Amino acid sequence: MTIGLKDPMLLTNNWMPAIEILQDRWQNYRQRPEYRGGRLLGVLISGDICRLYVEPLVERGPPMLFKYQGRSEFVPFPKEDDLEAFNAFIDCFYEPVGPRS
């Protein structure tokens, strides 16, 4: 699921409102039978910043910020520079241990 926000200041200075939107969307998806099994992913995009989130392993925990090679912010996809990070993000969806640090 991708959420694009128009106000870059919202994400740059305070990611919490966007994370809350993501959690609400995940909760809505969980009400549908086809989304009750695995973990959900989320992409927050604003301007030239992209953050990737994975649903937590515990039911009520906060979304887990995906980090790849020490980075947690990327250019919006698909850009060749961050394609490897995006592929690693998708891979973590299939790994039971969660995202790589």
C-alpha atoms as a PDB file:
ATOM      1  CA  MET A   1       0.000   0.000   0.000  1.00  0.00           C
ATOM      2  CA  THR A   2       1.356   3.412  -0.950  1.00  0.00           C
ATOM      3  CA  ILE A   3       0.342   6.681   0.667  1.00  0.00           C
ATOM      4  CA  GLY A   4       1.415   9.877  -1.075  1.00  0.00           C
ATOM      5  CA  LEU A   5       1.260  13.054   0.985  1.00  0.00           C
ATOM      6  CA  LYS A   6       1.269  16.516  -0.549  1.00  0.00           C
ATOM      7  CA  ASP A   7       2.894  18.414   2.340  1.00  0.00           C
ATOM      8  CA  PRO A   8       6.618  17.523   2.561  1.00  0.00           C
ATOM      9  CA  MET A   9       6.862  19.346   5.908  1.00  0.00           C
ATOM     10  CA  LEU A  10       4.462  16.803   7.409  1.00  0.00           C
ATOM     11  CA  LEU A  11       6.893  13.980   6.782  1.00  0.00           C
ATOM     12  CA  THR A  12      10.157  15.859   7.190  1.00  0.00           C
ATOM     13  CA  ASN A  13       9.365  17.258  10.612  1.00  0.00           C
ATOM     14  CA  ASN A  14       6.840  14.780  11.989  1.00  0.00           C
ATOM     15  CA  TRP A  15       6.197  11.347  10.541  1.00  0.00           C
ATOM     16  CA  MET A  16       3.643  10.366  13.215  1.00  0.00           C
ATOM     17  CA  PRO A  17       0.493  11.645  11.418  1.00  0.00           C
ATOM     18  CA  ALA A  18       1.463   9.702   8.295  1.00  0.00           C
ATOM     19  CA  ILE A  19       2.268   6.589  10.339  1.00  0.00           C
ATOM     20  CA  GLU A  20      -1.134   6.837  12.022  1.00  0.00           C
ATOM     21  CA  ILE A  21      -2.788   7.004   8.585  1.00  0.00           C
ATOM     22  CA  LEU A  22      -0.839   3.886   7.597  1.00  0.00           C
ATOM     23  CA  GLN A  23      -1.930   2.049  10.759  1.00  0.00           C
ATOM     24  CA  ASP A  24      -5.566   2.981  10.092  1.00  0.00           C
ATOM     25  CA  ARG A  25      -5.296   1.657   6.539  1.00  0.00           C
ATOM     26  CA  TRP A  26      -3.752  -1.573   7.776  1.00  0.00           C
ATOM     27  CA  GLN A  27      -6.562  -1.976  10.297  1.00  0.00           C
ATOM     28  CA  ASN A  28      -9.135  -1.504   7.518  1.00  0.00           C
ATOM     29  CA  TYR A  29      -7.364  -4.073   5.329  1.00  0.00           C
ATOM     30  CA  ARG A  30      -7.341  -6.575   8.202  1.00  0.00           C
ATOM     31  CA  GLN A  31     -11.149  -6.599   8.159  1.00  0.00           C
ATOM     32  CA  ARG A  32     -11.041  -8.225   4.714  1.00  0.00           C
ATOM     33  CA  PRO A  33     -10.459 -12.014   4.738  1.00  0.00           C
ATOM     34  CA  GLU A  34      -7.798 -11.946   2.012  1.00  0.00           C
ATOM     35  CA  TYR A  35      -5.542  -9.690   4.158  1.00  0.00           C
ATOM     36  CA  ARG A  36      -5.781 -11.547   7.472  1.00  0.00           C
ATOM     37  CA  GLY A  37      -2.857 -13.907   6.913  1.00  0.00           C
ATOM     38  CA  GLY A  38       0.511 -12.261   6.283  1.00  0.00           C
ATOM     39  CA  ARG A  39       2.169  -9.009   7.242  1.00  0.00           C
ATOM     40  CA  LEU A  40       1.333  -5.827   5.378  1.00  0.00           C
ATOM     41  CA  LEU A  41       3.813  -3.376   3.884  1.00  0.00           C
ATOM     42  CA  GLY A  42       3.510   0.379   3.553  1.00  0.00           C
ATOM     43  CA  VAL A  43       5.288   3.063   1.547  1.00  0.00           C
ATOM     44  CA  LEU A  44       5.055   6.715   2.610  1.00  0.00           C
ATOM     45  CA  ILE A  45       6.063   9.206  -0.074  1.00  0.00           C
ATOM     46  CA  SER A  46       6.338  12.969   0.114  1.00  0.00           C
ATOM     47  CA  GLY A  47       8.268  15.029  -2.395  1.00  0.00           C
ATOM     48  CA  ASP A  48      11.644  13.359  -2.871  1.00  0.00           C
ATOM     49  CA  ILE A  49      11.519  11.278   0.329  1.00  0.00           C
ATOM     50  CA  CYS A  50      10.246   7.724   0.606  1.00  0.00           C
ATOM     51  CA  ARG A  51      10.037   5.634   3.786  1.00  0.00           C
ATOM     52  CA  LEU A  52       9.157   1.955   3.896  1.00  0.00           C
ATOM     53  CA  TYR A  53       7.269   0.294   6.732  1.00  0.00           C
ATOM     54  CA  VAL A  54       6.476  -3.299   7.672  1.00  0.00           C
ATOM     55  CA  GLU A  55       3.594  -4.353   9.874  1.00  0.00           C
ATOM     56  CA  PRO A  56       4.937  -5.344  13.323  1.00  0.00           C
ATOM     57  CA  LEU A  57       5.179  -8.947  14.438  1.00  0.00           C
ATOM     58  CA  VAL A  58       3.078  -8.168  17.526  1.00  0.00           C
ATOM     59  CA  GLU A  59      -0.537  -7.263  16.881  1.00  0.00           C
ATOM     60  CA  ARG A  60      -0.598  -3.815  18.497  1.00  0.00           C
ATOM     61  CA  GLY A  61       2.957  -2.623  17.942  1.00  0.00           C
ATOM     62  CA  PRO A  62       3.974   0.395  15.852  1.00  0.00           C
ATOM     63  CA  PRO A  63       4.954  -0.018  12.187  1.00  0.00           C
ATOM     64  CA  MET A  64       8.580  -1.026  11.808  1.00  0.00           C
ATOM     65  CA  LEU A  65      10.698   1.394   9.783  1.00  0.00           C
ATOM     66  CA  PHE A  66      12.658  -0.548   7.170  1.00  0.00           C
ATOM     67  CA  LYS A  67      16.395   0.133   7.101  1.00  0.00           C
ATOM     68  CA  TYR A  68      18.769  -0.964   4.397  1.00  0.00           C
ATOM     69  CA  GLN A  69      22.534  -0.530   4.690  1.00  0.00           C
ATOM     70  CA  GLY A  70      22.012   2.032   7.455  1.00  0.00           C
ATOM     71  CA  ARG A  71      19.478   4.101   5.529  1.00  0.00           C
ATOM     72  CA  SER A  72      15.790   4.560   6.238  1.00  0.00           C
ATOM     73  CA  GLU A  73      14.952   7.228   3.643  1.00  0.00           C
ATOM     74  CA  PHE A  74      15.067   6.655  -0.085  1.00  0.00           C
ATOM     75  CA  VAL A  75      14.124   8.393  -3.307  1.00  0.00           C
ATOM     76  CA  PRO A  76      10.602   7.504  -4.476  1.00  0.00           C
ATOM     77  CA  PHE A  77      10.570   4.333  -6.510  1.00  0.00           C
ATOM     78  CA  PRO A  78      11.343   3.224  -9.074  1.00  0.00           C
ATOM     79  CA  LYS A  79      14.753   4.854  -9.245  1.00  0.00           C
ATOM     80  CA  GLU A  80      17.780   2.747 -10.114  1.00  0.00           C
ATOM     81  CA  ASP A  81      19.759   4.110  -7.155  1.00  0.00           C
ATOM     82  CA  ASP A  82      17.400   2.558  -4.619  1.00  0.00           C
ATOM     83  CA  LEU A  83      16.095  -0.435  -6.550  1.00  0.00           C
ATOM     84  CA  GLU A  84      18.306  -2.794  -4.537  1.00  0.00           C
ATOM     85  CA  ALA A  85      16.870  -1.391  -1.282  1.00  0.00           C
ATOM     86  CA  PHE A  86      13.341  -1.786  -2.593  1.00  0.00           C
ATOM     87  CA  ASN A  87      14.010  -5.415  -3.543  1.00  0.00           C
ATOM     88  CA  ALA A  88      15.358  -6.077  -0.031  1.00  0.00           C
ATOM     89  CA  PHE A  89      12.206  -4.473   1.395  1.00  0.00           C
ATOM     90  CA  ILE A  90      10.014  -6.801  -0.643  1.00  0.00           C
ATOM     91  CA  ASP A  91      12.176  -9.764   0.416  1.00  0.00           C
ATOM     92  CA  CYS A  92      11.594  -8.984   4.101  1.00  0.00           C
ATOM     93  CA  PHE A  93       7.883  -9.477   3.492  1.00  0.00           C
ATOM     94  CA  TYR A  94       8.611 -13.145   2.916  1.00  0.00           C
ATOM     95  CA  GLU A  95      11.066 -13.582   5.808  1.00  0.00           C
ATOM     96  CA  PRO A  96       9.556 -14.569   9.163  1.00  0.00           C
ATOM     97  CA  VAL A  97      12.296 -12.728  11.091  1.00  0.00           C
ATOM     98  CA  GLY A  98      11.241  -9.312   9.782  1.00  0.00           C
ATOM     99  CA  PRO A  99      13.106  -6.492   8.075  1.00  0.00           C
ATOM    100  CA  ARG A 100      16.871  -6.383   7.884  1.00  0.00           C
ATOM    101  CA  SER A 101      18.706  -3.718   9.908  1.00  0.00           C
END
